[in-house]
């Protein structure tokens, strides 16, 4: 008998220690005090483009409403209620989530049951404080007496605000909100993709391998590839060298041509705007060549519509009196040089200084001459 009791107790202990299965659905229990029966509530999810999409609606009955469903991963979502100003941001995950709506200020509503929402709140509260501090210091900059001392503090505050997203992700590697924050930040034009890819790789393995994690990884890798295409041709970078045949078939490189100032001119015989700009380029070359200006023309001839691309190229050089160095692979926009410099439209110009660094791009007319003058000084 004692043995049976012992076995029973062990079994109960085992069952008591067994963890509950992870939920695969969510139920949102909303309390909407002072909101009339029949008012409609909306559950929305934020998409990658920042817009919100309605995924469910509910009717308030006896100051209550309910949403049910499931999500693949915790995701930033919204609740909006007719007759209530604003929207409530929260992290939706598969769990029982209890929300008490604050009618006078929906953003002050209480949310219980979403672990990822707790992380979101930590970040949101921190960023709001940083924004508030930055604004306060900016206001003080108007005071000339303390401007110098405040300026440094203002720059520090701005830097903290800019670094807040990546710092949060680095210190919350096990948080699904880190994924949502990363998705939001990498869509911005000035995002440091290399830094975010590094931060992504440091996330916990289950976060990285989630459905959202895999999607973000693909997005990051694509964004990094796009960034690297243009990173080497940004202003201030040394222009990448290239080599291609000249009209006589001899291989000529950019490094063979460089002068005190160098213009890389992407053009084509078929390009009307290029041909109209050529007289201006000829005038500038004739005026400043003796002072150290060099030009290397890269032709994008080679379209399917051209019966004899090389002949068209050579005729245009002769007709427009382009007496500088010319090269071309006659491969249209598939030319390796065109792809190297990420040229998607012509005319396109890169103006290099004496060190071969890109000093300006896509200047024409008087602006091109003024830049050449400046760099020759």
Protein backbone atom coordinates (compact mmCIF):
# COMPACT_ATOMS: atom_id res chain seq x y z
CA UNK A 1 0.00 0.00 0.00
CA UNK A 2 2.81 2.37 0.95
CA UNK A 3 4.45 1.60 -2.36
CA UNK A 4 1.28 2.53 -4.26
CA UNK A 5 0.98 5.79 -2.34
CA UNK A 6 4.62 6.61 -3.07
CA UNK A 7 4.15 5.94 -6.79
CA UNK A 8 1.02 8.08 -6.80
CA UNK A 9 2.82 10.94 -5.08
CA UNK A 10 5.74 10.74 -7.52
CA UNK A 11 3.32 10.76 -10.44
CA UNK A 12 1.55 13.83 -9.08
CA UNK A 13 4.91 15.54 -8.53
CA UNK A 14 5.95 14.72 -12.09
CA UNK A 15 2.70 16.06 -13.49
CA UNK A 16 2.97 19.14 -11.30
CA UNK A 17 6.46 19.90 -12.55
CA UNK A 18 5.59 19.34 -16.20
CA UNK A 19 5.51 22.68 -18.05
CA UNK A 20 2.32 23.78 -19.70
CA UNK A 21 2.27 23.43 -23.50
CA UNK A 22 2.99 26.66 -25.32
CA UNK A 23 -0.13 28.31 -26.67
CA UNK A 24 -0.61 28.38 -30.40
CA UNK A 25 -3.38 30.99 -30.36
CA UNK A 26 -4.25 34.26 -28.69
CA UNK A 27 -7.29 35.58 -26.92
CA UNK A 28 -7.56 39.27 -26.17
CA UNK A 29 -9.99 40.09 -23.39
CA UNK A 30 -10.75 43.78 -23.61
CA UNK A 31 -12.41 45.86 -20.93
CA UNK A 32 -13.87 49.09 -22.29
CA UNK A 33 -15.35 51.07 -19.42
CA UNK A 34 -17.84 53.82 -20.37
CA UNK A 35 -17.88 52.73 -24.02
CA UNK A 36 -21.38 52.06 -25.33
CA UNK A 37 -22.74 48.78 -26.61
CA UNK A 38 -22.42 48.34 -30.35
CA UNK A 39 -19.23 50.37 -30.76
CA UNK A 40 -16.76 48.60 -33.04
CA UNK A 41 -13.14 47.76 -32.10
CA UNK A 42 -10.41 46.95 -34.62
CA UNK A 43 -7.34 44.74 -34.31
CA UNK A 44 -4.56 45.74 -36.70
CA UNK A 45 -1.03 44.52 -37.40
CA UNK A 46 1.80 46.77 -38.52
CA UNK A 47 3.30 45.79 -41.86
CA UNK A 48 6.90 46.20 -42.98
CA UNK A 49 6.05 49.43 -44.81
CA UNK A 50 4.82 50.93 -41.52
CA UNK A 51 1.15 50.84 -42.45
CA UNK A 52 -1.43 49.00 -40.34
CA UNK A 53 -3.77 46.34 -41.73
CA UNK A 54 -7.04 45.37 -40.03
CA UNK A 55 -7.11 41.63 -39.27
CA UNK A 56 -10.21 41.44 -37.07
CA UNK A 57 -13.13 43.46 -35.68
CA UNK A 58 -15.19 43.07 -32.54
CA UNK A 59 -18.31 44.69 -31.04
CA UNK A 60 -18.28 46.16 -27.53
CA UNK A 61 -20.98 44.47 -25.44
CA UNK A 62 -21.45 45.32 -21.74
CA UNK A 63 -18.11 47.16 -21.81
CA UNK A 64 -16.29 44.07 -23.07
CA UNK A 65 -14.84 42.91 -26.40
CA UNK A 66 -12.81 39.90 -27.49
CA UNK A 67 -10.38 39.05 -30.27
CA UNK A 68 -9.14 35.54 -31.02
CA UNK A 69 -6.72 34.13 -33.55
CA UNK A 70 -3.05 33.22 -33.89
CA UNK A 71 0.21 34.76 -35.03
CA UNK A 72 3.35 33.03 -36.28
CA UNK A 73 5.54 35.28 -34.13
CA UNK A 74 4.94 38.13 -31.70
CA UNK A 75 4.26 41.22 -33.77
CA UNK A 76 3.64 44.92 -33.23
CA UNK A 77 -0.09 45.52 -33.41
CA UNK A 78 -2.77 48.14 -32.75
CA UNK A 79 -6.23 48.37 -31.27
CA UNK A 80 -8.54 51.16 -32.37
CA UNK A 81 -12.06 51.77 -31.09
CA UNK A 82 -14.70 53.96 -32.68
CA UNK A 83 -15.43 57.06 -30.54
CA UNK A 84 -12.03 56.75 -28.81
CA UNK A 85 -9.22 59.03 -29.97
CA UNK A 86 -5.93 57.47 -31.03
CA UNK A 87 -4.73 53.88 -31.20
CA UNK A 88 -3.13 51.51 -28.70
CA UNK A 89 0.23 50.04 -29.72
CA UNK A 90 1.07 46.66 -28.23
CA UNK A 91 2.90 43.42 -28.96
CA UNK A 92 0.49 40.68 -29.99
CA UNK A 93 1.55 37.12 -29.21
CA UNK A 94 -0.09 33.73 -28.73
CA UNK A 95 -1.29 34.01 -25.15
CA UNK A 96 -4.19 35.28 -23.08
CA UNK A 97 -3.84 39.07 -23.12
CA UNK A 98 -5.98 41.26 -20.89
CA UNK A 99 -6.36 44.88 -21.95
CA UNK A 100 -8.06 47.58 -19.90
CA UNK A 101 -8.89 50.47 -22.23
CA UNK A 102 -8.36 54.00 -20.91
CA UNK A 103 -11.04 55.94 -22.79
CA UNK A 104 -9.57 59.38 -22.06
CA UNK A 105 -6.06 58.38 -23.24
CA UNK A 106 -5.94 55.03 -25.02
CA UNK A 107 -2.13 54.96 -24.94
CA UNK A 108 -2.34 54.76 -21.13
CA UNK A 109 -4.35 51.53 -21.27
CA UNK A 110 -2.99 48.58 -19.28
CA UNK A 111 -1.85 45.37 -21.00
CA UNK A 112 -1.19 42.10 -19.16
CA UNK A 113 -0.17 38.75 -20.60
CA UNK A 114 2.23 39.68 -23.43
CA UNK A 115 5.86 39.10 -22.50
CA UNK A 116 7.13 40.79 -25.65
CA UNK A 117 4.96 43.83 -24.88
CA UNK A 118 6.88 44.33 -21.64
CA UNK A 119 10.07 44.66 -23.73
CA UNK A 120 8.32 47.04 -26.11
CA UNK A 121 7.26 49.23 -23.19
CA UNK A 122 10.83 49.34 -21.86
CA UNK A 123 12.09 50.55 -25.23
CA UNK A 124 9.23 52.98 -25.79
CA UNK A 125 9.61 54.59 -22.36
CA UNK A 126 13.36 54.93 -22.88
CA UNK A 127 13.10 56.48 -26.33
CA UNK A 128 10.43 58.92 -25.15
CA UNK A 129 12.77 60.10 -22.39
CA UNK A 130 15.64 60.50 -24.84
CA UNK A 131 13.47 62.48 -27.26
CA UNK A 132 12.25 64.66 -24.42
CA UNK A 133 15.81 65.37 -23.26
CA UNK A 134 16.99 66.16 -26.80
CA UNK A 135 14.13 68.62 -27.28
CA UNK A 136 14.82 70.26 -23.91
CA UNK A 137 18.47 70.83 -24.79
CA UNK A 138 17.55 72.07 -28.25
CA UNK A 139 15.32 74.73 -26.68
CA UNK A 140 18.22 75.85 -24.47
CA UNK A 141 20.42 76.36 -27.52
CA UNK A 142 18.41 79.51 -28.20
CA UNK A 143 20.07 81.09 -25.18
CA UNK A 144 23.33 82.54 -26.52
CA UNK A 145 24.86 82.78 -23.04
CA UNK A 146 24.86 79.01 -22.52
CA UNK A 147 24.84 77.86 -26.15
CA UNK A 148 28.46 76.65 -26.17
CA UNK A 149 28.09 74.53 -23.04
CA UNK A 150 24.72 73.13 -24.09
CA UNK A 151 25.80 72.31 -27.65
CA UNK A 152 28.01 69.41 -26.55
CA UNK A 153 25.28 67.99 -24.32
CA UNK A 154 22.79 68.29 -27.17
CA UNK A 155 25.05 66.31 -29.51
CA UNK A 156 25.49 63.60 -26.87
CA UNK A 157 21.71 63.39 -26.41
CA UNK A 158 21.17 63.15 -30.17
CA UNK A 159 23.73 60.36 -30.41
CA UNK A 160 22.05 58.42 -27.58
CA UNK A 161 18.73 58.74 -29.38
CA UNK A 162 20.22 57.52 -32.67
CA UNK A 163 21.94 54.57 -31.00
CA UNK A 164 18.95 53.56 -28.85
CA UNK A 165 17.51 50.95 -31.27
CA UNK A 166 20.74 49.03 -31.83
CA UNK A 167 21.63 49.24 -28.12
CA UNK A 168 18.25 47.80 -27.16
CA UNK A 169 18.62 44.93 -29.63
CA UNK A 170 22.12 44.14 -28.36
CA UNK A 171 20.89 43.96 -24.76
CA UNK A 172 17.64 42.08 -25.53
CA UNK A 173 18.83 39.22 -27.72
CA UNK A 174 16.05 36.90 -26.53
CA UNK A 175 13.22 39.34 -27.27
CA UNK A 176 10.84 39.12 -30.21
CA UNK A 177 10.40 42.86 -29.93
CA UNK A 178 14.05 43.19 -30.98
CA UNK A 179 13.03 41.61 -34.31
CA UNK A 180 10.12 44.01 -34.72
CA UNK A 181 12.34 46.98 -33.89
CA UNK A 182 14.99 45.79 -36.33
CA UNK A 183 12.40 45.39 -39.09
CA UNK A 184 11.27 48.97 -38.49
CA UNK A 185 14.77 50.49 -38.37
CA UNK A 186 16.31 48.78 -41.41
CA UNK A 187 13.55 50.22 -43.61
CA UNK A 188 14.94 53.72 -42.97
CA UNK A 189 17.18 55.32 -45.61
CA UNK A 190 20.08 55.99 -43.23
CA UNK A 191 20.10 52.57 -41.54
CA UNK A 192 23.52 51.07 -40.79
CA UNK A 193 22.80 47.71 -42.43
CA UNK A 194 26.16 46.19 -41.47
CA UNK A 195 25.56 47.02 -37.79
CA UNK A 196 22.05 45.56 -37.87
CA UNK A 197 23.22 42.38 -39.60
CA UNK A 198 25.83 41.93 -36.86
CA UNK A 199 23.15 42.53 -34.20
CA UNK A 200 20.86 40.03 -35.93
CA UNK A 201 23.56 37.36 -35.90
CA UNK A 202 23.93 37.87 -32.13
CA UNK A 203 20.24 37.21 -31.42
CA UNK A 204 19.21 33.95 -29.73
CA UNK A 205 18.95 31.06 -32.17
CA UNK A 206 15.19 30.54 -31.73
CA UNK A 207 14.60 34.24 -32.47
CA UNK A 208 16.77 34.15 -35.59
CA UNK A 209 15.18 30.95 -36.91
CA UNK A 210 11.60 32.18 -36.46
CA UNK A 211 9.48 33.00 -39.49
CA UNK A 212 9.97 36.73 -38.95
CA UNK A 213 13.67 36.18 -38.24
CA UNK A 214 14.21 34.38 -41.55
CA UNK A 215 12.36 37.13 -43.43
CA UNK A 216 14.43 39.85 -41.78
CA UNK A 217 17.67 37.99 -42.51
CA UNK A 218 16.78 37.84 -46.22
CA UNK A 219 15.92 41.55 -46.16
CA UNK A 220 19.18 42.42 -44.39
CA UNK A 221 21.32 40.44 -46.80
CA UNK A 222 19.59 42.03 -49.80
CA UNK A 223 19.96 45.51 -48.27
CA UNK A 224 23.63 44.85 -47.57
CA UNK A 225 24.22 43.76 -51.18
CA UNK A 226 22.49 46.93 -52.41
CA UNK A 227 24.52 49.04 -49.97
CA UNK A 228 27.83 47.53 -51.05
CA UNK A 229 26.98 48.36 -54.66
CA UNK A 230 26.95 52.06 -53.85
CA UNK A 231 29.28 52.23 -50.82
CA UNK A 232 32.43 52.16 -52.96
CA UNK A 233 31.22 55.00 -55.18
CA UNK A 234 30.10 57.43 -52.49
CA UNK A 235 31.56 60.94 -52.46
CA UNK A 236 34.88 60.86 -50.63
CA UNK A 237 35.73 57.30 -51.69
CA UNK A 238 38.58 56.50 -54.08
CA UNK A 239 36.99 55.73 -57.43
CA UNK A 240 37.37 52.00 -58.19
CA UNK A 241 39.74 51.26 -61.03
CA UNK A 242 38.49 49.62 -64.23
CA UNK A 243 39.89 48.48 -67.57
CA UNK A 244 38.25 48.26 -70.98
CA UNK A 245 39.20 48.41 -74.69
CA UNK A 246 39.59 51.76 -76.45
CA UNK A 247 38.46 52.24 -80.07
CA UNK A 248 41.67 50.56 -81.28
CA UNK A 249 41.07 47.52 -79.07
CA UNK A 250 43.87 48.39 -76.65
CA UNK A 251 43.07 47.86 -72.95
CA UNK A 252 43.06 51.16 -71.04
CA UNK A 253 42.46 51.61 -67.31
CA UNK A 254 41.21 54.52 -65.26
CA UNK A 255 44.55 54.62 -63.47
CA UNK A 256 46.29 55.12 -66.84
CA UNK A 257 44.29 58.29 -67.45
CA UNK A 258 43.96 60.07 -64.10
CA UNK A 259 45.02 63.70 -63.99
CA UNK A 260 44.86 66.50 -61.43
CA UNK A 261 41.10 66.37 -62.03
CA UNK A 262 39.43 63.46 -63.81
CA UNK A 263 35.92 63.15 -65.21
CA UNK A 264 34.45 59.71 -65.83
CA UNK A 265 31.75 60.38 -68.40
CA UNK A 266 29.13 57.67 -69.01
CA UNK A 267 27.38 58.34 -72.30
CA UNK A 268 26.30 56.70 -75.61
CA UNK A 269 25.81 57.61 -79.25
CA UNK A 270 22.07 56.88 -78.90
CA UNK A 271 21.66 59.10 -75.81
CA UNK A 272 20.12 62.46 -76.81
CA UNK A 273 20.81 64.28 -73.50
CA UNK A 274 24.42 63.04 -73.62
CA UNK A 275 24.95 64.37 -77.11
CA UNK A 276 23.42 67.73 -76.19
CA UNK A 277 25.79 68.01 -73.22
CA UNK A 278 28.87 67.04 -75.23
CA UNK A 279 29.60 70.57 -76.56
CA UNK A 280 29.79 71.83 -72.96
CA UNK A 281 32.15 68.99 -71.98
CA UNK A 282 34.29 69.69 -75.08
CA UNK A 283 34.52 73.37 -74.13
CA UNK A 284 35.54 72.55 -70.53
CA UNK A 285 38.10 69.97 -71.67
CA UNK A 286 39.70 72.36 -74.17
CA UNK A 287 39.82 75.11 -71.56
CA UNK A 288 41.25 73.13 -68.63
CA UNK A 289 43.12 70.17 -70.13
CA UNK A 290 46.46 72.00 -70.06
CA UNK A 291 45.89 72.66 -66.33
CA UNK A 292 45.49 68.98 -65.53
CA UNK A 293 41.94 67.99 -66.49
CA UNK A 294 41.53 64.51 -67.96
CA UNK A 295 38.36 62.78 -69.17
CA UNK A 296 37.66 59.13 -69.80
CA UNK A 297 34.46 58.46 -71.69
CA UNK A 298 32.67 55.16 -71.04
CA UNK A 299 30.19 54.35 -73.81
CA UNK A 300 27.00 52.36 -73.22
CA UNK A 301 26.57 51.61 -76.91
CA UNK A 302 25.64 48.04 -77.71
CA UNK A 303 21.84 48.06 -77.70
CA UNK A 304 19.92 45.50 -79.75
CA UNK A 305 18.62 48.34 -81.90
CA UNK A 306 22.12 49.22 -83.10
CA UNK A 307 23.20 47.31 -86.20
CA UNK A 308 26.83 48.32 -85.71
CA UNK A 309 27.37 49.63 -82.14
CA UNK A 310 31.08 50.21 -82.57
CA UNK A 311 30.64 52.23 -85.72
CA UNK A 312 27.92 54.31 -84.05
CA UNK A 313 30.25 54.92 -81.10
CA UNK A 314 33.19 55.95 -83.30
CA UNK A 315 31.04 58.21 -85.48
CA UNK A 316 29.66 60.00 -82.41
CA UNK A 317 33.19 60.55 -81.06
CA UNK A 318 34.26 62.07 -84.37
CA UNK A 319 31.12 64.13 -84.97
CA UNK A 320 31.06 65.61 -81.46
CA UNK A 321 34.86 66.19 -81.46
CA UNK A 322 35.49 64.25 -78.28
CA UNK A 323 39.27 64.25 -78.22
CA UNK A 324 39.81 62.59 -74.84
CA UNK A 325 40.25 58.91 -73.91
CA UNK A 326 37.36 56.55 -74.69
CA UNK A 327 36.65 52.97 -73.65
CA UNK A 328 33.71 50.58 -74.02
CA UNK A 329 32.79 46.91 -73.87
CA UNK A 330 29.79 47.76 -76.09
CA UNK A 331 27.45 45.90 -73.72
CA UNK A 332 24.87 48.61 -73.03
CA UNK A 333 23.89 48.62 -69.31
CA UNK A 334 25.45 45.18 -68.86
CA UNK A 335 28.91 46.72 -69.21
CA UNK A 336 31.02 45.69 -66.15
CA UNK A 337 32.10 49.32 -65.63
CA UNK A 338 28.48 50.47 -65.67
CA UNK A 339 27.59 47.83 -63.07
CA UNK A 340 30.69 48.67 -60.99
CA UNK A 341 29.59 52.32 -60.78
CA UNK A 342 25.91 51.41 -60.38
CA UNK A 343 24.93 53.60 -63.34
CA UNK A 344 21.21 53.27 -64.06
CA UNK A 345 20.75 56.27 -66.35
CA UNK A 346 22.89 58.47 -68.58
CA UNK A 347 24.42 60.96 -68.88
CA UNK A 348 26.24 60.22 -65.64
CA UNK A 349 29.50 61.77 -64.49
CA UNK A 350 31.93 61.19 -61.64
CA UNK A 351 34.39 63.99 -60.92
CA UNK A 352 37.61 62.89 -59.20
CA UNK A 353 40.14 65.01 -57.33
CA UNK A 354 43.94 64.74 -57.54
CA UNK A 355 43.89 61.75 -55.17
CA UNK A 356 41.38 59.90 -57.29
CA UNK A 357 38.61 60.42 -54.76
CA UNK A 358 35.05 61.09 -55.93
CA UNK A 359 34.45 64.79 -55.31
CA UNK A 360 31.08 65.14 -57.08
CA UNK A 361 28.60 63.29 -59.26
CA UNK A 362 26.33 64.03 -62.18
CA UNK A 363 27.25 67.67 -62.70
CA UNK A 364 26.52 69.30 -66.04
CA UNK A 365 26.64 72.73 -67.62
CA UNK A 366 28.06 75.56 -65.54
CA UNK A 367 28.07 73.43 -62.36
CA UNK A 368 30.55 71.01 -63.94
CA UNK A 369 32.94 73.80 -64.93
CA UNK A 370 32.80 75.42 -61.48
CA UNK A 371 33.69 72.10 -59.82
CA UNK A 372 36.60 71.56 -62.20
CA UNK A 373 37.85 75.09 -61.44
CA UNK A 374 37.60 74.44 -57.70
CA UNK A 375 39.52 71.17 -57.84
CA UNK A 376 42.28 72.57 -60.06
CA UNK A 377 43.16 75.31 -57.61
